[in-house]
Amino acid sequence: MISSVELIPAESRELVLFIPQSVFCRRSPAKTHTSLHTTGSSSRKMEKGVKALRRLLQSPGVHQGPIAFNALSAKLVESTGFPFIFTGGFALSATRLALPDAGLISYGEMVDQGRLVTQAISVPVIGDADTGFGNSVNVKRTVKGFIDAGFAGIMLEDQISPKACGHTQGRKVVSREEALMRIKAAVDARRESGSDIVIVARSDARQAVSLDEAFIRTKAFAEIGADVLFIDALASIEEMKAFCQVSPHVPKLANMLEGGGKTPILSPRELDEIGYKLVIYPLSLLGVSIKAMQDALAAIKEGGVPPPESMPSFEEIKDIVGFNAYYEEEKRYATTSDQQL
């Protein structure tokens, strides 16, 4: 097996030595926290989600998590049996703002949308926090806000602000030192909050600088305390295999960008064999929703309605959004006057 150090070129290994040692603060494994700054049922639900996500990271195999963009899509993902959900910036920017994933969506909008998702479902949710919405102090606020919103995990990346979508043009990353300080700030915020939120550390250095730089950064992220590592836009199976040998004890996340990204689309079995633990699908729900709405609007404009086979029945829709559950709950509080109406 290739060691993570061997993957780093000799001329680059010296650079790692110049990373300030104060940055590194490896987390002790299986640490349990009992004090949360969040309160009530939301904090209990968040804590339950964190434990579920950490169990998932320790369980065999690769685990799939389609990206959801609102409470309804998240509920559909959960009802299909997926063990976790990811709320991606691309999908949230598109559906909430009808704008590209270019740093235009705000911290407040991401937290607000995420809170609606986490309240609607029971499986753990990983939230996309982009660059942390500012400097390292802002990163700490972002982490604490995501904890309060009920997220079980948070992903932070090393791009400059405004960021660019991982598989589009124009990506640039901050310096290595600044990237490490972002993750250190996230780890500090986790500790200060008394939470155990899962930190996913993402690097876009593969496309912005080099593959070697991406390896160096993610290895350092793991030393600081990141729980999951992710390099976006890896360009071959060989690169994916090499990445999984960087800090091999730390779980890796794969991004299967449907419809034409830079990374090869592999099956869960293939990803498991390479060494990945989590896999997300960023465009599936967004893409099919756009196509379905376009087709429905075209049918209406022609004077008709969408064909029955293209959509659930009214009864099915009512069940999906919770009418039947609502009616059952309503019966518990029925009064004599209600029965007379």
C-alpha atoms as a PDB file:
ATOM      1  CA  MET A   1       0.000   0.000   0.000  1.00  0.00           C
ATOM      2  CA  ILE A   2       1.238   3.478  -0.865  1.00  0.00           C
ATOM      3  CA  SER A   3       1.636   5.735   2.167  1.00  0.00           C
ATOM      4  CA  SER A   4       0.178   9.245   2.155  1.00  0.00           C
ATOM      5  CA  VAL A   5       3.666  10.714   2.481  1.00  0.00           C
ATOM      6  CA  GLU A   6       4.877   8.841  -0.597  1.00  0.00           C
ATOM      7  CA  LEU A   7       2.098  10.451  -2.593  1.00  0.00           C
ATOM      8  CA  ILE A   8       3.551  13.893  -1.861  1.00  0.00           C
ATOM      9  CA  PRO A   9       6.454  14.856  -4.123  1.00  0.00           C
ATOM     10  CA  ALA A  10       9.800  15.206  -2.399  1.00  0.00           C
ATOM     11  CA  GLU A  11      10.040  18.884  -3.364  1.00  0.00           C
ATOM     12  CA  SER A  12       6.670  19.525  -1.709  1.00  0.00           C
ATOM     13  CA  ARG A  13       7.214  17.573   1.520  1.00  0.00           C
ATOM     14  CA  GLU A  14       9.457  20.282   2.903  1.00  0.00           C
ATOM     15  CA  LEU A  15       6.604  22.757   2.599  1.00  0.00           C
ATOM     16  CA  VAL A  16       4.522  20.731   5.016  1.00  0.00           C
ATOM     17  CA  LEU A  17       7.155  21.299   7.679  1.00  0.00           C
ATOM     18  CA  PHE A  18       6.550  25.043   7.511  1.00  0.00           C
ATOM     19  CA  ILE A  19       2.891  24.739   8.488  1.00  0.00           C
ATOM     20  CA  PRO A  20       2.675  26.261  11.994  1.00  0.00           C
ATOM     21  CA  GLN A  21       2.482  23.420  14.508  1.00  0.00           C
ATOM     22  CA  SER A  22      -0.131  25.401  16.472  1.00  0.00           C
ATOM     23  CA  VAL A  23      -2.565  24.617  13.674  1.00  0.00           C
ATOM     24  CA  PHE A  24      -2.608  20.883  14.388  1.00  0.00           C
ATOM     25  CA  CYS A  25      -4.887  19.559  17.096  1.00  0.00           C
ATOM     26  CA  ARG A  26      -5.865  15.972  16.336  1.00  0.00           C
ATOM     27  CA  ARG A  27      -9.205  14.973  17.832  1.00  0.00           C
ATOM     28  CA  SER A  28      -9.331  12.058  20.184  1.00  0.00           C
ATOM     29  CA  PRO A  29     -11.562   9.306  18.761  1.00  0.00           C
ATOM     30  CA  ALA A  30     -15.073   8.548  19.955  1.00  0.00           C
ATOM     31  CA  LYS A  31     -15.332  11.667  22.099  1.00  0.00           C
ATOM     32  CA  THR A  32     -18.762  12.153  23.637  1.00  0.00           C
ATOM     33  CA  HIS A  33     -20.133  15.570  24.556  1.00  0.00           C
ATOM     34  CA  THR A  34     -23.058  16.134  26.887  1.00  0.00           C
ATOM     35  CA  SER A  35     -23.342  19.933  26.913  1.00  0.00           C
ATOM     36  CA  LEU A  36     -24.955  21.630  23.944  1.00  0.00           C
ATOM     37  CA  HIS A  37     -25.539  25.328  23.444  1.00  0.00           C
ATOM     38  CA  THR A  38     -28.559  24.489  21.327  1.00  0.00           C
ATOM     39  CA  THR A  39     -31.730  23.815  23.282  1.00  0.00           C
ATOM     40  CA  GLY A  40     -34.840  21.650  23.317  1.00  0.00           C
ATOM     41  CA  SER A  41     -35.922  19.118  20.746  1.00  0.00           C
ATOM     42  CA  SER A  42     -33.786  20.620  17.952  1.00  0.00           C
ATOM     43  CA  SER A  43     -30.585  20.001  19.922  1.00  0.00           C
ATOM     44  CA  ARG A  44     -31.624  16.452  20.770  1.00  0.00           C
ATOM     45  CA  LYS A  45     -32.463  15.782  17.132  1.00  0.00           C
ATOM     46  CA  MET A  46     -29.146  17.255  16.010  1.00  0.00           C
ATOM     47  CA  GLU A  47     -27.223  15.155  18.532  1.00  0.00           C
ATOM     48  CA  LYS A  48     -29.079  12.045  17.370  1.00  0.00           C
ATOM     49  CA  GLY A  49     -28.227  12.897  13.757  1.00  0.00           C
ATOM     50  CA  VAL A  50     -24.551  13.366  14.571  1.00  0.00           C
ATOM     51  CA  LYS A  51     -24.390   9.975  16.277  1.00  0.00           C
ATOM     52  CA  ALA A  52     -26.143   8.356  13.308  1.00  0.00           C
ATOM     53  CA  LEU A  53     -23.732   9.959  10.858  1.00  0.00           C
ATOM     54  CA  ARG A  54     -20.694   8.896  12.869  1.00  0.00           C
ATOM     55  CA  ARG A  55     -22.022   5.330  13.023  1.00  0.00           C
ATOM     56  CA  LEU A  56     -22.413   5.463   9.254  1.00  0.00           C
ATOM     57  CA  LEU A  57     -18.789   6.557   8.834  1.00  0.00           C
ATOM     58  CA  GLN A  58     -17.669   3.587  10.922  1.00  0.00           C
ATOM     59  CA  SER A  59     -19.879   1.010   9.192  1.00  0.00           C
ATOM     60  CA  PRO A  60     -18.756  -1.151   6.242  1.00  0.00           C
ATOM     61  CA  GLY A  61     -19.349  -0.213   2.635  1.00  0.00           C
ATOM     62  CA  VAL A  62     -19.999   3.035   0.795  1.00  0.00           C
ATOM     63  CA  HIS A  63     -23.095   5.062   1.643  1.00  0.00           C
ATOM     64  CA  GLN A  64     -25.137   7.079  -0.860  1.00  0.00           C
ATOM     65  CA  GLY A  65     -26.633  10.500  -0.153  1.00  0.00           C
ATOM     66  CA  PRO A  66     -28.491  12.287  -2.953  1.00  0.00           C
ATOM     67  CA  ILE A  67     -28.455  16.072  -2.697  1.00  0.00           C
ATOM     68  CA  ALA A  68     -31.782  17.585  -1.645  1.00  0.00           C
ATOM     69  CA  PHE A  69     -32.709  21.243  -2.065  1.00  0.00           C
ATOM     70  CA  ASN A  70     -35.804  21.660   0.122  1.00  0.00           C
ATOM     71  CA  ALA A  71     -37.879  19.842   2.730  1.00  0.00           C
ATOM     72  CA  LEU A  72     -40.002  17.970   0.180  1.00  0.00           C
ATOM     73  CA  SER A  73     -37.068  16.601  -1.817  1.00  0.00           C
ATOM     74  CA  ALA A  74     -35.346  15.638   1.441  1.00  0.00           C
ATOM     75  CA  LYS A  75     -38.460  13.790   2.579  1.00  0.00           C
ATOM     76  CA  LEU A  76     -38.505  11.851  -0.693  1.00  0.00           C
ATOM     77  CA  VAL A  77     -34.836  10.933  -0.288  1.00  0.00           C
ATOM     78  CA  GLU A  78     -35.488   9.684   3.232  1.00  0.00           C
ATOM     79  CA  SER A  79     -38.592   7.715   2.223  1.00  0.00           C
ATOM     80  CA  THR A  80     -36.546   5.916  -0.461  1.00  0.00           C
ATOM     81  CA  GLY A  81     -34.246   4.569   2.238  1.00  0.00           C
ATOM     82  CA  PHE A  82     -31.038   6.589   1.862  1.00  0.00           C
ATOM     83  CA  PRO A  83     -29.100   6.838   5.158  1.00  0.00           C
ATOM     84  CA  PHE A  84     -28.053  10.494   4.893  1.00  0.00           C
ATOM     85  CA  ILE A  85     -28.811  13.639   2.914  1.00  0.00           C
ATOM     86  CA  PHE A  86     -26.596  16.406   1.601  1.00  0.00           C
ATOM     87  CA  THR A  87     -27.812  19.967   0.961  1.00  0.00           C
ATOM     88  CA  GLY A  88     -25.575  21.311  -1.811  1.00  0.00           C
ATOM     89  CA  GLY A  89     -24.907  24.937  -2.643  1.00  0.00           C
ATOM     90  CA  PHE A  90     -25.487  24.382  -6.370  1.00  0.00           C
ATOM     91  CA  ALA A  91     -29.013  23.030  -5.856  1.00  0.00           C
ATOM     92  CA  LEU A  92     -29.924  25.529  -3.127  1.00  0.00           C
ATOM     93  CA  SER A  93     -28.722  28.507  -5.177  1.00  0.00           C
ATOM     94  CA  ALA A  94     -30.658  27.254  -8.185  1.00  0.00           C
ATOM     95  CA  THR A  95     -33.930  26.504  -6.423  1.00  0.00           C
ATOM     96  CA  ARG A  96     -34.047  29.276  -3.838  1.00  0.00           C
ATOM     97  CA  LEU A  97     -32.610  32.107  -5.926  1.00  0.00           C
ATOM     98  CA  ALA A  98     -32.603  30.841  -9.535  1.00  0.00           C
ATOM     99  CA  LEU A  99     -28.939  31.884  -9.530  1.00  0.00           C
ATOM    100  CA  PRO A 100     -25.673  30.011 -10.201  1.00  0.00           C
ATOM    101  CA  ASP A 101     -23.476  28.477  -7.534  1.00  0.00           C
ATOM    102  CA  ALA A 102     -21.048  31.398  -7.513  1.00  0.00           C
ATOM    103  CA  GLY A 103     -21.068  32.580  -3.912  1.00  0.00           C
ATOM    104  CA  LEU A 104     -24.334  34.479  -4.358  1.00  0.00           C
ATOM    105  CA  ILE A 105     -26.364  32.646  -1.745  1.00  0.00           C
ATOM    106  CA  SER A 106     -25.835  33.972   1.780  1.00  0.00           C
ATOM    107  CA  TYR A 107     -25.114  32.376   5.119  1.00  0.00           C
ATOM    108  CA  GLY A 108     -28.592  33.243   6.351  1.00  0.00           C
ATOM    109  CA  GLU A 109     -30.294  31.710   3.327  1.00  0.00           C
ATOM    110  CA  MET A 110     -28.286  28.494   3.605  1.00  0.00           C
ATOM    111  CA  VAL A 111     -29.030  28.127   7.318  1.00  0.00           C
ATOM    112  CA  ASP A 112     -32.720  28.946   6.844  1.00  0.00           C
ATOM    113  CA  GLN A 113     -33.143  26.392   4.071  1.00  0.00           C
ATOM    114  CA  GLY A 114     -31.142  23.816   5.989  1.00  0.00           C
ATOM    115  CA  ARG A 115     -33.242  24.227   9.105  1.00  0.00           C
ATOM    116  CA  LEU A 116     -36.403  23.470   7.108  1.00  0.00           C
ATOM    117  CA  VAL A 117     -34.749  20.304   5.758  1.00  0.00           C
ATOM    118  CA  THR A 118     -33.480  19.021   9.106  1.00  0.00           C
ATOM    119  CA  GLN A 119     -36.888  19.615  10.739  1.00  0.00           C
ATOM    120  CA  ALA A 120     -38.705  17.647   8.030  1.00  0.00           C
ATOM    121  CA  ILE A 121     -36.726  14.394   8.251  1.00  0.00           C
ATOM    122  CA  SER A 122     -35.012  12.042  10.684  1.00  0.00           C
ATOM    123  CA  VAL A 123     -31.862  10.946   8.821  1.00  0.00           C
ATOM    124  CA  PRO A 124     -28.659  12.984   9.287  1.00  0.00           C
ATOM    125  CA  VAL A 125     -28.031  15.966   7.002  1.00  0.00           C
ATOM    126  CA  ILE A 126     -24.647  17.321   5.868  1.00  0.00           C
ATOM    127  CA  GLY A 127     -24.800  21.007   4.936  1.00  0.00           C
ATOM    128  CA  ASP A 128     -22.687  22.780   2.335  1.00  0.00           C
ATOM    129  CA  ALA A 129     -21.104  25.848   3.962  1.00  0.00           C
ATOM    130  CA  ASP A 130     -19.068  26.894   0.903  1.00  0.00           C
ATOM    131  CA  THR A 131     -16.050  28.927   2.047  1.00  0.00           C
ATOM    132  CA  GLY A 132     -17.495  29.621   5.497  1.00  0.00           C
ATOM    133  CA  PHE A 133     -18.874  33.022   4.451  1.00  0.00           C
ATOM    134  CA  GLY A 134     -15.841  35.092   5.441  1.00  0.00           C
ATOM    135  CA  ASN A 135     -12.629  34.775   7.404  1.00  0.00           C
ATOM    136  CA  SER A 136     -11.892  32.232  10.103  1.00  0.00           C
ATOM    137  CA  VAL A 137     -13.994  34.118  12.660  1.00  0.00           C
ATOM    138  CA  ASN A 138     -16.933  33.947  10.245  1.00  0.00           C
ATOM    139  CA  VAL A 139     -16.253  30.227   9.826  1.00  0.00           C
ATOM    140  CA  LYS A 140     -16.732  29.749  13.565  1.00  0.00           C
ATOM    141  CA  ARG A 141     -20.100  31.534  13.425  1.00  0.00           C
ATOM    142  CA  THR A 142     -21.083  29.458  10.408  1.00  0.00           C
ATOM    143  CA  VAL A 143     -20.297  26.179  12.158  1.00  0.00           C
ATOM    144  CA  LYS A 144     -22.255  27.202  15.253  1.00  0.00           C
ATOM    145  CA  GLY A 145     -25.166  28.322  13.071  1.00  0.00           C
ATOM    146  CA  PHE A 146     -25.230  25.006  11.243  1.00  0.00           C
ATOM    147  CA  ILE A 147     -25.218  23.194  14.580  1.00  0.00           C
ATOM    148  CA  ASP A 148     -28.188  25.249  15.768  1.00  0.00           C
ATOM    149  CA  ALA A 149     -29.997  24.529  12.485  1.00  0.00           C
ATOM    150  CA  GLY A 150     -29.796  20.789  13.177  1.00  0.00           C
ATOM    151  CA  PHE A 151     -27.108  19.724  10.722  1.00  0.00           C
ATOM    152  CA  ALA A 152     -25.193  16.554  11.560  1.00  0.00           C
ATOM    153  CA  GLY A 153     -22.291  17.554   9.308  1.00  0.00           C
ATOM    154  CA  ILE A 154     -20.833  20.607   7.611  1.00  0.00           C
ATOM    155  CA  MET A 155     -18.601  20.891   4.535  1.00  0.00           C
ATOM    156  CA  LEU A 156     -16.053  23.697   4.198  1.00  0.00           C
ATOM    157  CA  GLU A 157     -13.844  24.368   1.185  1.00  0.00           C
ATOM    158  CA  ASP A 158     -10.622  26.216   0.404  1.00  0.00           C
ATOM    159  CA  GLN A 159     -11.745  28.365  -2.516  1.00  0.00           C
ATOM    160  CA  ILE A 160     -11.477  32.140  -2.500  1.00  0.00           C
ATOM    161  CA  SER A 161     -14.653  34.184  -2.148  1.00  0.00           C
ATOM    162  CA  PRO A 162     -16.730  34.467  -4.249  1.00  0.00           C
ATOM    163  CA  LYS A 163     -16.409  30.770  -4.946  1.00  0.00           C
ATOM    164  CA  ALA A 164     -17.112  28.881  -8.160  1.00  0.00           C
ATOM    165  CA  CYS A 165     -18.879  25.574  -8.687  1.00  0.00           C
ATOM    166  CA  GLY A 166     -16.339  22.750  -8.452  1.00  0.00           C
ATOM    167  CA  HIS A 167     -16.663  21.564 -12.048  1.00  0.00           C
ATOM    168  CA  THR A 168     -16.835  25.002 -13.714  1.00  0.00           C
ATOM    169  CA  GLN A 169     -14.205  27.463 -14.824  1.00  0.00           C
ATOM    170  CA  GLY A 170     -12.425  30.138 -12.828  1.00  0.00           C
ATOM    171  CA  ARG A 171     -11.654  28.390  -9.572  1.00  0.00           C
ATOM    172  CA  LYS A 172      -9.002  29.804  -7.266  1.00  0.00           C
ATOM    173  CA  VAL A 173      -8.031  28.718  -3.764  1.00  0.00           C
ATOM    174  CA  VAL A 174      -6.747  30.603  -0.754  1.00  0.00           C
ATOM    175  CA  SER A 175      -3.223  30.031   0.521  1.00  0.00           C
ATOM    176  CA  ARG A 176      -2.498  26.739   2.215  1.00  0.00           C
ATOM    177  CA  GLU A 177      -2.118  28.426   5.592  1.00  0.00           C
ATOM    178  CA  GLU A 178      -5.482  30.196   5.285  1.00  0.00           C
ATOM    179  CA  ALA A 179      -7.139  26.958   4.203  1.00  0.00           C
ATOM    180  CA  LEU A 180      -5.794  25.188   7.294  1.00  0.00           C
ATOM    181  CA  MET A 181      -6.920  28.022   9.552  1.00  0.00           C
ATOM    182  CA  ARG A 182     -10.484  27.656   8.229  1.00  0.00           C
ATOM    183  CA  ILE A 183     -10.571  24.028   9.322  1.00  0.00           C
ATOM    184  CA  LYS A 184      -8.912  24.848  12.639  1.00  0.00           C
ATOM    185  CA  ALA A 185     -11.590  27.482  13.250  1.00  0.00           C
ATOM    186  CA  ALA A 186     -14.276  24.906  12.472  1.00  0.00           C
ATOM    187  CA  VAL A 187     -12.742  22.415  14.900  1.00  0.00           C
ATOM    188  CA  ASP A 188     -12.523  25.117  17.572  1.00  0.00           C
ATOM    189  CA  ALA A 189     -16.175  26.100  17.016  1.00  0.00           C
ATOM    190  CA  ARG A 190     -17.213  22.478  17.377  1.00  0.00           C
ATOM    191  CA  ARG A 191     -15.399  22.209  20.688  1.00  0.00           C
ATOM    192  CA  GLU A 192     -16.723  25.533  21.976  1.00  0.00           C
ATOM    193  CA  SER A 193     -20.288  24.514  21.111  1.00  0.00           C
ATOM    194  CA  GLY A 194     -20.052  21.213  22.944  1.00  0.00           C
ATOM    195  CA  SER A 195     -21.113  19.521  19.711  1.00  0.00           C
ATOM    196  CA  ASP A 196     -19.604  16.651  17.766  1.00  0.00           C
ATOM    197  CA  ILE A 197     -20.742  17.819  14.320  1.00  0.00           C
ATOM    198  CA  VAL A 198     -18.937  16.016  11.502  1.00  0.00           C
ATOM    199  CA  ILE A 199     -16.521  18.291   9.609  1.00  0.00           C
ATOM    200  CA  VAL A 200     -16.072  17.545   5.906  1.00  0.00           C
ATOM    201  CA  ALA A 201     -12.974  19.329   4.572  1.00  0.00           C
ATOM    202  CA  ARG A 202     -13.000  19.972   0.830  1.00  0.00           C
ATOM    203  CA  SER A 203     -10.148  21.099  -1.404  1.00  0.00           C
ATOM    204  CA  ASP A 204     -10.468  22.517  -4.915  1.00  0.00           C
ATOM    205  CA  ALA A 205      -6.700  22.663  -5.334  1.00  0.00           C
ATOM    206  CA  ARG A 206      -6.727  19.815  -7.873  1.00  0.00           C
ATOM    207  CA  GLN A 207      -8.010  22.144 -10.580  1.00  0.00           C
ATOM    208  CA  ALA A 208      -6.793  25.457  -9.140  1.00  0.00           C
ATOM    209  CA  VAL A 209      -3.173  24.434  -8.381  1.00  0.00           C
ATOM    210  CA  SER A 210      -2.230  20.755  -8.712  1.00  0.00           C
ATOM    211  CA  LEU A 211      -3.121  17.282  -7.563  1.00  0.00           C
ATOM    212  CA  ASP A 212      -0.061  17.235  -5.298  1.00  0.00           C
ATOM    213  CA  GLU A 213      -1.216  20.413  -3.551  1.00  0.00           C
ATOM    214  CA  ALA A 214      -4.668  18.929  -3.039  1.00  0.00           C
ATOM    215  CA  PHE A 215      -3.080  15.859  -1.405  1.00  0.00           C
ATOM    216  CA  ILE A 216      -0.935  18.008   0.892  1.00  0.00           C
ATOM    217  CA  ARG A 217      -3.928  20.093   1.977  1.00  0.00           C
ATOM    218  CA  THR A 218      -6.286  17.223   2.674  1.00  0.00           C
ATOM    219  CA  LYS A 219      -3.619  15.367   4.640  1.00  0.00           C
ATOM    220  CA  ALA A 220      -3.163  18.479   6.778  1.00  0.00           C
ATOM    221  CA  PHE A 221      -6.942  18.875   7.168  1.00  0.00           C
ATOM    222  CA  ALA A 222      -7.040  15.384   8.652  1.00  0.00           C
ATOM    223  CA  GLU A 223      -4.242  16.218  11.103  1.00  0.00           C
ATOM    224  CA  ILE A 224      -6.165  19.293  12.278  1.00  0.00           C
ATOM    225  CA  GLY A 225      -9.298  17.292  13.023  1.00  0.00           C
ATOM    226  CA  ALA A 226     -11.453  16.989   9.891  1.00  0.00           C
ATOM    227  CA  ASP A 227     -13.615  13.865   9.942  1.00  0.00           C
ATOM    228  CA  VAL A 228     -14.136  13.392   6.190  1.00  0.00           C
ATOM    229  CA  LEU A 229     -11.932  14.460   3.263  1.00  0.00           C
ATOM    230  CA  PHE A 230     -13.046  15.510  -0.206  1.00  0.00           C
ATOM    231  CA  ILE A 231     -11.115  16.635  -3.293  1.00  0.00           C
ATOM    232  CA  ASP A 232     -13.496  17.910  -5.927  1.00  0.00           C
ATOM    233  CA  ALA A 233     -13.122  17.328  -9.664  1.00  0.00           C
ATOM    234  CA  LEU A 234     -10.581  14.505  -9.584  1.00  0.00           C
ATOM    235  CA  ALA A 235     -10.045  13.663 -13.230  1.00  0.00           C
ATOM    236  CA  SER A 236      -9.428   9.882 -13.345  1.00  0.00           C
ATOM    237  CA  ILE A 237      -9.868   6.634 -11.477  1.00  0.00           C
ATOM    238  CA  GLU A 238      -6.116   6.642 -10.801  1.00  0.00           C
ATOM    239  CA  GLU A 239      -6.397  10.015  -9.068  1.00  0.00           C
ATOM    240  CA  MET A 240      -9.336   8.760  -7.021  1.00  0.00           C
ATOM    241  CA  LYS A 241      -7.369   5.700  -5.906  1.00  0.00           C
ATOM    242  CA  ALA A 242      -4.356   7.828  -4.951  1.00  0.00           C
ATOM    243  CA  PHE A 243      -6.564  10.191  -2.941  1.00  0.00           C
ATOM    244  CA  CYS A 244      -7.968   7.312  -0.893  1.00  0.00           C
ATOM    245  CA  GLN A 245      -4.384   6.514   0.209  1.00  0.00           C
ATOM    246  CA  VAL A 246      -3.964  10.009   1.703  1.00  0.00           C
ATOM    247  CA  SER A 247      -4.646   9.682   5.449  1.00  0.00           C
ATOM    248  CA  PRO A 248      -6.249   6.287   4.764  1.00  0.00           C
ATOM    249  CA  HIS A 249      -7.824   6.140   8.241  1.00  0.00           C
ATOM    250  CA  VAL A 250     -10.014   9.181   7.448  1.00  0.00           C
ATOM    251  CA  PRO A 251     -13.217   8.570   5.410  1.00  0.00           C
ATOM    252  CA  LYS A 252     -13.391   9.989   1.868  1.00  0.00           C
ATOM    253  CA  LEU A 253     -16.332  11.531   0.035  1.00  0.00           C
ATOM    254  CA  ALA A 254     -16.929  11.164  -3.712  1.00  0.00           C
ATOM    255  CA  ASN A 255     -18.988  13.530  -5.857  1.00  0.00           C
ATOM    256  CA  MET A 256     -20.702  11.809  -8.786  1.00  0.00           C
ATOM    257  CA  LEU A 257     -21.622  14.852 -10.889  1.00  0.00           C
ATOM    258  CA  GLU A 258     -24.233  13.555 -13.299  1.00  0.00           C
ATOM    259  CA  GLY A 259     -24.273  14.563 -16.931  1.00  0.00           C
ATOM    260  CA  GLY A 260     -20.750  15.678 -17.711  1.00  0.00           C
ATOM    261  CA  GLY A 261     -18.449  16.510 -14.799  1.00  0.00           C
ATOM    262  CA  LYS A 262     -14.707  15.973 -14.639  1.00  0.00           C
ATOM    263  CA  THR A 263     -14.839  12.946 -12.312  1.00  0.00           C
ATOM    264  CA  PRO A 264     -15.624   9.462 -13.702  1.00  0.00           C
ATOM    265  CA  ILE A 265     -19.062   8.167 -12.718  1.00  0.00           C
ATOM    266  CA  LEU A 266     -18.564   4.925 -10.802  1.00  0.00           C
ATOM    267  CA  SER A 267     -20.985   2.525  -9.163  1.00  0.00           C
ATOM    268  CA  PRO A 268     -21.201   2.296  -5.359  1.00  0.00           C
ATOM    269  CA  ARG A 269     -19.442  -1.074  -5.543  1.00  0.00           C
ATOM    270  CA  GLU A 270     -16.542   0.433  -7.518  1.00  0.00           C
ATOM    271  CA  LEU A 271     -16.270   3.364  -5.118  1.00  0.00           C
ATOM    272  CA  ASP A 272     -16.238   0.989  -2.174  1.00  0.00           C
ATOM    273  CA  GLU A 273     -13.415  -1.021  -3.741  1.00  0.00           C
ATOM    274  CA  ILE A 274     -11.374   2.145  -4.270  1.00  0.00           C
ATOM    275  CA  GLY A 275     -11.846   3.186  -0.656  1.00  0.00           C
ATOM    276  CA  TYR A 276     -14.609   5.790  -0.510  1.00  0.00           C
ATOM    277  CA  LYS A 277     -17.088   5.926   2.374  1.00  0.00           C
ATOM    278  CA  LEU A 278     -19.663   8.528   1.264  1.00  0.00           C
ATOM    279  CA  VAL A 279     -20.952   9.398  -2.202  1.00  0.00           C
ATOM    280  CA  ILE A 280     -23.233  12.281  -3.171  1.00  0.00           C
ATOM    281  CA  TYR A 281     -25.254  12.939  -6.329  1.00  0.00           C
ATOM    282  CA  PRO A 282     -25.587  16.722  -6.783  1.00  0.00           C
ATOM    283  CA  LEU A 283     -27.831  17.119  -9.828  1.00  0.00           C
ATOM    284  CA  SER A 284     -30.167  14.123 -10.029  1.00  0.00           C
ATOM    285  CA  LEU A 285     -33.151  15.580  -8.189  1.00  0.00           C
ATOM    286  CA  LEU A 286     -32.588  19.102  -9.478  1.00  0.00           C
ATOM    287  CA  GLY A 287     -32.124  17.948 -13.069  1.00  0.00           C
ATOM    288  CA  VAL A 288     -35.160  15.690 -13.295  1.00  0.00           C
ATOM    289  CA  SER A 289     -37.286  18.347 -11.556  1.00  0.00           C
ATOM    290  CA  ILE A 290     -36.317  20.960 -14.154  1.00  0.00           C
ATOM    291  CA  LYS A 291     -37.092  18.588 -17.023  1.00  0.00           C
ATOM    292  CA  ALA A 292     -40.428  17.514 -15.530  1.00  0.00           C
ATOM    293  CA  MET A 293     -41.512  21.117 -14.991  1.00  0.00           C
ATOM    294  CA  GLN A 294     -40.505  22.082 -18.520  1.00  0.00           C
ATOM    295  CA  ASP A 295     -42.544  19.199 -19.950  1.00  0.00           C
ATOM    296  CA  ALA A 296     -45.551  20.025 -17.761  1.00  0.00           C
ATOM    297  CA  LEU A 297     -45.485  23.690 -18.737  1.00  0.00           C
ATOM    298  CA  ALA A 298     -45.260  22.788 -22.411  1.00  0.00           C
ATOM    299  CA  ALA A 299     -48.333  20.565 -22.063  1.00  0.00           C
ATOM    300  CA  ILE A 300     -50.304  23.294 -20.297  1.00  0.00           C
ATOM    301  CA  LYS A 301     -49.328  25.886 -22.883  1.00  0.00           C
ATOM    302  CA  GLU A 302     -50.671  23.590 -25.603  1.00  0.00           C
ATOM    303  CA  GLY A 303     -54.042  23.623 -23.862  1.00  0.00           C
ATOM    304  CA  GLY A 304     -53.805  20.355 -21.960  1.00  0.00           C
ATOM    305  CA  VAL A 305     -52.387  19.065 -18.698  1.00  0.00           C
ATOM    306  CA  PRO A 306     -49.438  16.766 -17.976  1.00  0.00           C
ATOM    307  CA  PRO A 307     -50.246  13.129 -18.845  1.00  0.00           C
ATOM    308  CA  PRO A 308     -51.286  11.026 -15.836  1.00  0.00           C
ATOM    309  CA  GLU A 309     -48.227   8.763 -16.104  1.00  0.00           C
ATOM    310  CA  SER A 310     -45.896  11.752 -15.708  1.00  0.00           C
ATOM    311  CA  MET A 311     -47.016  12.679 -12.194  1.00  0.00           C
ATOM    312  CA  PRO A 312     -48.411  11.149  -8.990  1.00  0.00           C
ATOM    313  CA  SER A 313     -52.170  11.181  -8.498  1.00  0.00           C
ATOM    314  CA  PHE A 314     -53.738  13.816  -6.280  1.00  0.00           C
ATOM    315  CA  GLU A 315     -54.214  11.192  -3.557  1.00  0.00           C
ATOM    316  CA  GLU A 316     -50.538  10.231  -3.770  1.00  0.00           C
ATOM    317  CA  ILE A 317     -49.432  13.854  -3.582  1.00  0.00           C
ATOM    318  CA  LYS A 318     -51.604  14.415  -0.509  1.00  0.00           C
ATOM    319  CA  ASP A 319     -50.030  11.408   1.161  1.00  0.00           C
ATOM    320  CA  ILE A 320     -46.485  12.518   0.300  1.00  0.00           C
ATOM    321  CA  VAL A 321     -46.930  15.995   1.804  1.00  0.00           C
ATOM    322  CA  GLY A 322     -48.599  14.587   4.920  1.00  0.00           C
ATOM    323  CA  PHE A 323     -52.354  15.096   4.625  1.00  0.00           C
ATOM    324  CA  ASN A 324     -53.177  11.573   5.789  1.00  0.00           C
ATOM    325  CA  ALA A 325     -50.886  11.885   8.794  1.00  0.00           C
ATOM    326  CA  TYR A 326     -52.442  15.275   9.531  1.00  0.00           C
ATOM    327  CA  TYR A 327     -55.966  13.829   9.457  1.00  0.00           C
ATOM    328  CA  GLU A 328     -54.981  11.053  11.858  1.00  0.00           C
ATOM    329  CA  GLU A 329     -53.417  13.561  14.238  1.00  0.00           C
ATOM    330  CA  GLU A 330     -56.486  15.772  13.970  1.00  0.00           C
ATOM    331  CA  LYS A 331     -58.713  12.902  15.175  1.00  0.00           C
ATOM    332  CA  ARG A 332     -56.853  12.846  18.501  1.00  0.00           C
ATOM    333  CA  TYR A 333     -58.163  16.299  19.333  1.00  0.00           C
ATOM    334  CA  ALA A 334     -61.663  16.060  17.893  1.00  0.00           C
ATOM    335  CA  THR A 335     -64.450  17.557  20.018  1.00  0.00           C
ATOM    336  CA  THR A 336     -68.182  16.952  20.132  1.00  0.00           C
ATOM    337  CA  SER A 337     -68.786  20.126  18.171  1.00  0.00           C
ATOM    338  CA  ASP A 338     -66.374  18.896  15.464  1.00  0.00           C
ATOM    339  CA  GLN A 339     -68.371  15.691  15.070  1.00  0.00           C
ATOM    340  CA  GLN A 340     -71.631  17.627  14.693  1.00  0.00           C
ATOM    341  CA  LEU A 341     -70.295  19.687  11.762  1.00  0.00           C
END
